C-alpha atoms as a PDB file:
ATOM      1  CA  PHE A   1      84.675 112.370  77.256  1.00  0.00           C
ATOM      2  CA  GLY A   2      84.715 111.958  80.836  1.00  0.00           C
ATOM      3  CA  GLU A   3      88.625 111.949  81.457  1.00  0.00           C
ATOM      4  CA  GLY A   4      88.839 114.949  78.802  1.00  0.00           C
ATOM      5  CA  GLY A   5      86.029 116.783  80.960  1.00  0.00           C
ATOM      6  CA  GLY A   6      88.189 115.882  83.976  1.00  0.00           C
ATOM      7  CA  LYS A   7      91.018 117.267  83.065  1.00  0.00           C
ATOM      8  CA  MET A   8      89.074 120.544  81.987  1.00  0.00           C
ATOM      9  CA  LEU A   9      87.332 121.076  85.198  1.00  0.00           C
ATOM     10  CA  THR A  10      90.907 119.981  87.330  1.00  0.00           C
ATOM     11  CA  THR A  11      92.387 123.584  85.160  1.00  0.00           C
ATOM     12  CA  TRP A  12      89.230 125.715  85.999  1.00  0.00           C
ATOM     13  CA  LEU A  13      89.449 124.591  89.360  1.00  0.00           C
ATOM     14  CA  ALA A  14      92.906 125.428  89.394  1.00  0.00           C
ATOM     15  CA  ASN A  15      92.391 128.750  88.385  1.00  0.00           C
ATOM     16  CA  ASP A  16      89.715 129.503  90.404  1.00  0.00           C
ATOM     17  CA  ASN A  17      91.607 128.801  93.587  1.00  0.00           C
ATOM     18  CA  ARG A  18      88.629 127.552  96.123  1.00  0.00           C
ATOM     19  CA  TYR A  19      88.852 124.051  94.987  1.00  0.00           C
ATOM     20  CA  GLU A  20      90.921 120.715  94.261  1.00  0.00           C
ATOM     21  CA  LEU A  21      89.721 117.944  92.379  1.00  0.00           C
ATOM     22  CA  VAL A  22      90.555 114.685  92.909  1.00  0.00           C
ATOM     23  CA  MET A  23      89.315 112.543  89.831  1.00  0.00           C
ATOM     24  CA  THR A  24      89.294 108.346  90.555  1.00  0.00           C
ATOM     25  CA  HIS A  25      87.749 105.066  88.914  1.00  0.00           C
ATOM     26  CA  ASP A  26      87.885 103.663  92.383  1.00  0.00           C
ATOM     27  CA  LEU A  27      84.116 103.382  93.108  1.00  0.00           C
ATOM     28  CA  ASP A  28      85.166 102.033  96.636  1.00  0.00           C
ATOM     29  CA  THR A  29      86.450 105.936  97.299  1.00  0.00           C
ATOM     30  CA  LEU A  30      82.786 106.587  97.688  1.00  0.00           C
ATOM     31  CA  VAL A  31      82.169 104.014 101.144  1.00  0.00           C
ATOM     32  CA  ALA A  32      84.618 106.702 102.734  1.00  0.00           C
ATOM     33  CA  LEU A  33      82.518 109.344 101.841  1.00  0.00           C
ATOM     34  CA  PRO A  34      81.163 110.625 105.206  1.00  0.00           C
ATOM     35  CA  ASN A  35      84.777 110.365 107.281  1.00  0.00           C
ATOM     36  CA  GLY A  36      84.989 114.037 106.095  1.00  0.00           C
ATOM     37  CA  GLN A  37      88.016 114.481 103.466  1.00  0.00           C
ATOM     38  CA  TYR A  38      85.601 115.725 100.985  1.00  0.00           C
ATOM     39  CA  ALA A  39      82.958 118.598 100.437  1.00  0.00           C
ATOM     40  CA  ALA A  40      81.183 117.445  97.325  1.00  0.00           C
ATOM     41  CA  VAL A  41      80.857 114.450  94.649  1.00  0.00           C
ATOM     42  CA  ILE A  42      80.852 114.778  90.867  1.00  0.00           C
ATOM     43  CA  VAL A  43      79.783 112.415  88.616  1.00  0.00           C
ATOM     44  CA  TYR A  44      80.268 112.354  84.841  1.00  0.00           C
ATOM     45  CA  THR A  45      79.649 108.272  84.125  1.00  0.00           C
ATOM     46  CA  THR A  46      78.022 106.278  81.658  1.00  0.00           C
ATOM     47  CA  GLY A  47      76.832 102.616  82.231  1.00  0.00           C
ATOM     48  CA  LEU A  48      78.363 101.010  85.821  1.00  0.00           C
ATOM     49  CA  HIS A  49      74.352  99.282  86.204  1.00  0.00           C
ATOM     50  CA  ASP A  50      75.200  97.617  89.354  1.00  0.00           C
ATOM     51  CA  ASP A  51      77.921  99.056  90.515  1.00  0.00           C
ATOM     52  CA  LEU A  52      76.992 101.263  93.202  1.00  0.00           C
ATOM     53  CA  THR A  53      76.840  98.465  95.808  1.00  0.00           C
ATOM     54  CA  PRO A  54      75.049  98.524  98.989  1.00  0.00           C
ATOM     55  CA  ALA A  55      78.309  99.960 101.128  1.00  0.00           C
ATOM     56  CA  ARG A  56      79.259 102.370  97.928  1.00  0.00           C
ATOM     57  CA  GLU A  57      75.108 103.747  98.002  1.00  0.00           C
ATOM     58  CA  GLN A  58      75.064 104.031 101.944  1.00  0.00           C
ATOM     59  CA  GLY A  59      78.399 105.940 101.643  1.00  0.00           C
ATOM     60  CA  LEU A  60      77.439 108.018  98.836  1.00  0.00           C
ATOM     61  CA  LEU A  61      73.848 108.696  99.788  1.00  0.00           C
ATOM     62  CA  SER A  62      74.752 109.490 103.695  1.00  0.00           C
ATOM     63  CA  PHE A  63      78.077 111.554 102.796  1.00  0.00           C
ATOM     64  CA  VAL A  64      74.948 114.016 100.701  1.00  0.00           C
ATOM     65  CA  GLN A  65      72.284 113.458 103.441  1.00  0.00           C
ATOM     66  CA  ASN A  66      74.724 115.129 106.064  1.00  0.00           C
ATOM     67  CA  GLY A  67      75.631 117.625 104.146  1.00  0.00           C
ATOM     68  CA  GLY A  68      77.881 117.152 101.255  1.00  0.00           C
ATOM     69  CA  GLY A  69      77.377 118.745  97.795  1.00  0.00           C
ATOM     70  CA  PHE A  70      76.646 116.588  95.086  1.00  0.00           C
ATOM     71  CA  ILE A  71      77.114 117.223  90.947  1.00  0.00           C
ATOM     72  CA  GLY A  72      75.648 115.305  88.351  1.00  0.00           C
ATOM     73  CA  ILE A  73      77.074 115.711  85.065  1.00  0.00           C
ATOM     74  CA  HIS A  74      75.231 114.569  81.652  1.00  0.00           C
ATOM     75  CA  SER A  75      75.469 111.079  81.696  1.00  0.00           C
ATOM     76  CA  ALA A  76      75.323 110.789  85.592  1.00  0.00           C
ATOM     77  CA  THR A  77      71.420 110.520  85.242  1.00  0.00           C
ATOM     78  CA  ASP A  78      72.347 107.125  83.210  1.00  0.00           C
ATOM     79  CA  SER A  79      74.697 105.677  85.688  1.00  0.00           C
ATOM     80  CA  PHE A  80      74.146 103.393  88.828  1.00  0.00           C
ATOM     81  CA  ARG A  81      70.775 102.685  87.989  1.00  0.00           C
ATOM     82  CA  GLY A  82      70.575  99.547  89.292  1.00  0.00           C
ATOM     83  CA  SER A  83      70.075 101.841  92.695  1.00  0.00           C
ATOM     84  CA  ARG A  84      66.634 103.052  92.712  1.00  0.00           C
ATOM     85  CA  ALA A  85      67.684 105.039  95.927  1.00  0.00           C
ATOM     86  CA  TYR A  86      70.561 106.486  93.220  1.00  0.00           C
ATOM     87  CA  ILE A  87      68.192 108.083  90.669  1.00  0.00           C
ATOM     88  CA  ASN A  88      65.762 108.946  93.748  1.00  0.00           C
ATOM     89  CA  MET A  89      68.294 111.007  94.653  1.00  0.00           C
ATOM     90  CA  ILE A  90      69.401 112.742  91.287  1.00  0.00           C
ATOM     91  CA  ASN A  91      65.722 112.660  90.577  1.00  0.00           C
ATOM     92  CA  GLY A  92      66.001 111.192  87.136  1.00  0.00           C
ATOM     93  CA  GLU A  93      66.504 108.716  84.889  1.00  0.00           C
ATOM     94  CA  PHE A  94      67.893 109.074  81.000  1.00  0.00           C
ATOM     95  CA  LEU A  95      65.375 107.685  79.086  1.00  0.00           C
ATOM     96  CA  THR A  96      66.394 108.619  75.431  1.00  0.00           C
ATOM     97  CA  HIS A  97      68.287 111.627  73.562  1.00  0.00           C
ATOM     98  CA  PRO A  98      67.670 112.901  69.545  1.00  0.00           C
ATOM     99  CA  HIS A  99      71.049 113.008  66.672  1.00  0.00           C
ATOM    100  CA  HIS A 100      73.459 115.578  68.236  1.00  0.00           C
ATOM    101  CA  HIS A 101      72.292 118.984  67.363  1.00  0.00           C
ATOM    102  CA  GLU A 102      72.656 122.575  68.070  1.00  0.00           C
ATOM    103  CA  PHE A 103      69.749 124.158  70.623  1.00  0.00           C
ATOM    104  CA  PRO A 104      69.217 126.603  73.287  1.00  0.00           C
ATOM    105  CA  VAL A 105      69.345 125.599  77.035  1.00  0.00           C
ATOM    106  CA  SER A 106      66.614 128.971  78.346  1.00  0.00           C
ATOM    107  CA  ILE A 107      66.863 130.029  82.107  1.00  0.00           C
ATOM    108  CA  VAL A 108      63.745 129.811  83.565  1.00  0.00           C
ATOM    109  CA  GLU A 109      64.686 130.536  87.165  1.00  0.00           C
ATOM    110  CA  PRO A 110      66.712 133.541  86.728  1.00  0.00           C
ATOM    111  CA  ASN A 111      67.347 134.262  90.385  1.00  0.00           C
ATOM    112  CA  HIS A 112      68.887 131.286  91.712  1.00  0.00           C
ATOM    113  CA  TYR A 113      73.013 130.908  92.481  1.00  0.00           C
ATOM    114  CA  LEU A 114      73.656 129.193  89.410  1.00  0.00           C
ATOM    115  CA  THR A 115      72.084 131.256  87.092  1.00  0.00           C
ATOM    116  CA  VAL A 116      72.062 134.542  88.003  1.00  0.00           C
ATOM    117  CA  ARG A 117      72.881 137.419  85.241  1.00  0.00           C
ATOM    118  CA  MET A 118      73.248 134.257  82.914  1.00  0.00           C
ATOM    119  CA  PRO A 119      71.940 134.075  79.309  1.00  0.00           C
ATOM    120  CA  THR A 120      70.182 131.872  77.024  1.00  0.00           C
ATOM    121  CA  ILE A 121      72.998 129.973  75.690  1.00  0.00           C
ATOM    122  CA  THR A 122      73.270 127.645  72.324  1.00  0.00           C
ATOM    123  CA  VAL A 123      75.390 124.345  72.288  1.00  0.00           C
ATOM    124  CA  TYR A 124      75.935 121.665  70.065  1.00  0.00           C
ATOM    125  CA  ASP A 125      75.430 118.523  71.932  1.00  0.00           C
ATOM    126  CA  GLU A 126      73.632 115.610  73.306  1.00  0.00           C
ATOM    127  CA  MET A 127      69.970 116.563  74.475  1.00  0.00           C
ATOM    128  CA  TYR A 128      68.927 113.904  77.134  1.00  0.00           C
ATOM    129  CA  HIS A 129      65.282 112.988  77.642  1.00  0.00           C
ATOM    130  CA  LEU A 130      64.934 112.130  81.369  1.00  0.00           C
ATOM    131  CA  GLN A 131      62.067 110.040  83.257  1.00  0.00           C
ATOM    132  CA  ASN A 132      61.357 109.593  86.693  1.00  0.00           C
ATOM    133  CA  PHE A 133      61.942 112.996  86.983  1.00  0.00           C
ATOM    134  CA  ASP A 134      59.949 114.747  89.371  1.00  0.00           C
ATOM    135  CA  PRO A 135      59.212 118.586  89.126  1.00  0.00           C
ATOM    136  CA  THR A 136      58.130 119.022  92.744  1.00  0.00           C
ATOM    137  CA  LYS A 137      61.252 117.382  94.513  1.00  0.00           C
ATOM    138  CA  ALA A 138      63.708 120.285  92.213  1.00  0.00           C
ATOM    139  CA  THR A 139      63.910 123.564  90.968  1.00  0.00           C
ATOM    140  CA  VAL A 140      64.434 123.416  87.346  1.00  0.00           C
ATOM    141  CA  LEU A 141      66.716 126.400  86.852  1.00  0.00           C
ATOM    142  CA  ALA A 142      67.273 125.629  83.133  1.00  0.00           C
ATOM    143  CA  THR A 143      64.776 124.077  80.345  1.00  0.00           C
ATOM    144  CA  THR A 144      64.961 123.540  76.008  1.00  0.00           C
ATOM    145  CA  GLN A 145      61.697 122.703  74.314  1.00  0.00           C
ATOM    146  CA  TRP A 146      61.828 119.749  72.060  1.00  0.00           C
ATOM    147  CA  GLN A 147      58.159 118.880  70.142  1.00  0.00           C
ATOM    148  CA  GLY A 148      56.425 121.722  72.258  1.00  0.00           C
ATOM    149  CA  LYS A 149      57.503 119.975  75.511  1.00  0.00           C
ATOM    150  CA  ALA A 150      60.087 121.749  78.402  1.00  0.00           C
ATOM    151  CA  MET A 151      63.196 119.568  78.986  1.00  0.00           C
ATOM    152  CA  PRO A 152      65.053 120.298  82.332  1.00  0.00           C
ATOM    153  CA  MET A 153      68.189 120.897  81.643  1.00  0.00           C
ATOM    154  CA  VAL A 154      69.661 121.978  84.802  1.00  0.00           C
ATOM    155  CA  TYR A 155      67.755 121.789  88.219  1.00  0.00           C
ATOM    156  CA  VAL A 156      69.062 121.671  92.025  1.00  0.00           C
ATOM    157  CA  ARG A 157      67.465 120.221  95.087  1.00  0.00           C
ATOM    158  CA  ASN A 158      68.228 119.706  98.457  1.00  0.00           C
ATOM    159  CA  TYR A 159      68.746 116.077  99.433  1.00  0.00           C
ATOM    160  CA  GLY A 160      68.440 115.480 103.317  1.00  0.00           C
ATOM    161  CA  SER A 161      71.545 118.282 104.499  1.00  0.00           C
ATOM    162  CA  GLY A 162      72.606 118.407 101.276  1.00  0.00           C
ATOM    163  CA  ARG A 163      72.235 119.789  97.768  1.00  0.00           C
ATOM    164  CA  VAL A 164      72.389 118.182  94.244  1.00  0.00           C
ATOM    165  CA  ALA A 165      72.993 120.098  90.933  1.00  0.00           C
ATOM    166  CA  TYR A 166      72.416 118.148  87.871  1.00  0.00           C
ATOM    167  CA  LEU A 167      73.737 119.988  84.706  1.00  0.00           C
ATOM    168  CA  ALA A 168      72.079 117.917  81.767  1.00  0.00           C
ATOM    169  CA  ASN A 169      74.488 118.869  79.102  1.00  0.00           C
ATOM    170  CA  GLY A 170      78.394 118.005  78.780  1.00  0.00           C
ATOM    171  CA  HIS A 171      78.468 115.324  76.290  1.00  0.00           C
ATOM    172  CA  THR A 172      80.530 117.276  73.483  1.00  0.00           C
ATOM    173  CA  GLN A 173      83.619 119.305  73.385  1.00  0.00           C
ATOM    174  CA  GLN A 174      81.639 121.558  72.205  1.00  0.00           C
ATOM    175  CA  SER A 175      79.974 121.602  75.300  1.00  0.00           C
ATOM    176  CA  TRP A 176      82.983 121.946  77.745  1.00  0.00           C
ATOM    177  CA  ASN A 177      84.313 124.749  75.480  1.00  0.00           C
ATOM    178  CA  HIS A 178      81.168 127.081  76.669  1.00  0.00           C
ATOM    179  CA  PRO A 179      82.027 129.447  79.119  1.00  0.00           C
ATOM    180  CA  ASP A 180      78.651 129.946  80.275  1.00  0.00           C
ATOM    181  CA  PHE A 181      78.877 125.919  80.717  1.00  0.00           C
ATOM    182  CA  ARG A 182      82.054 126.019  82.725  1.00  0.00           C
ATOM    183  CA  LYS A 183      80.519 128.888  84.768  1.00  0.00           C
ATOM    184  CA  LEU A 184      77.134 126.744  85.658  1.00  0.00           C
ATOM    185  CA  LEU A 185      79.446 124.555  86.380  1.00  0.00           C
ATOM    186  CA  LEU A 186      81.841 126.048  88.582  1.00  0.00           C
ATOM    187  CA  ARG A 187      78.666 127.527  90.456  1.00  0.00           C
ATOM    188  CA  ALA A 188      77.137 124.290  90.550  1.00  0.00           C
ATOM    189  CA  ILE A 189      80.421 122.980  92.535  1.00  0.00           C
ATOM    190  CA  ALA A 190      80.285 126.299  94.967  1.00  0.00           C
ATOM    191  CA  TRP A 191      76.270 126.074  95.389  1.00  0.00           C
ATOM    192  CA  THR A 192      76.400 122.623  96.517  1.00  0.00           C
ATOM    193  CA  THR A 193      79.243 123.565  99.196  1.00  0.00           C
ATOM    194  CA  GLY A 194      77.390 126.268 100.988  1.00  0.00           C
ATOM    195  CA  ALA A 195      77.413 129.111  98.992  1.00  0.00           C
END
């Protein structure tokens, strides 16, 4: 659903009037990120295990460290896993997921820019379980429960001078159609770019 999500996001941003989305499959774009053409990077990919070459990794990480925004959607934690520096930056790595099902996403930090006045939402989606997630390196904004354990669904962190936001939802069309998913994603873009 990556392309479909990108098309929806293009429309949302056009209506929002603050940002313009440039979609690309060319990972070499990451090399030139520090040149200052972009305010944030959104990663909504899967796989590409060893595709974050040293030059691409350096471009992306230095962009964020020096004040750029980074938004990871869903399978961004299942991308570029050959780069431990990337996994460290996004602060989580895909472990597994149960079958698609409906589950609540509960706001646990209601005073953050992303989640202020946001209700608990119920989504039909793929619930990502993460490994290598360090709660001391992030502010968890929303969680869901799985077998008595809280799973992070939305979290943010600082990375150098930059800001990182991760939204674990976003696999299904139902998730993308949810108005509160749209609100969270637009707020994540705004927050990572300085709001």
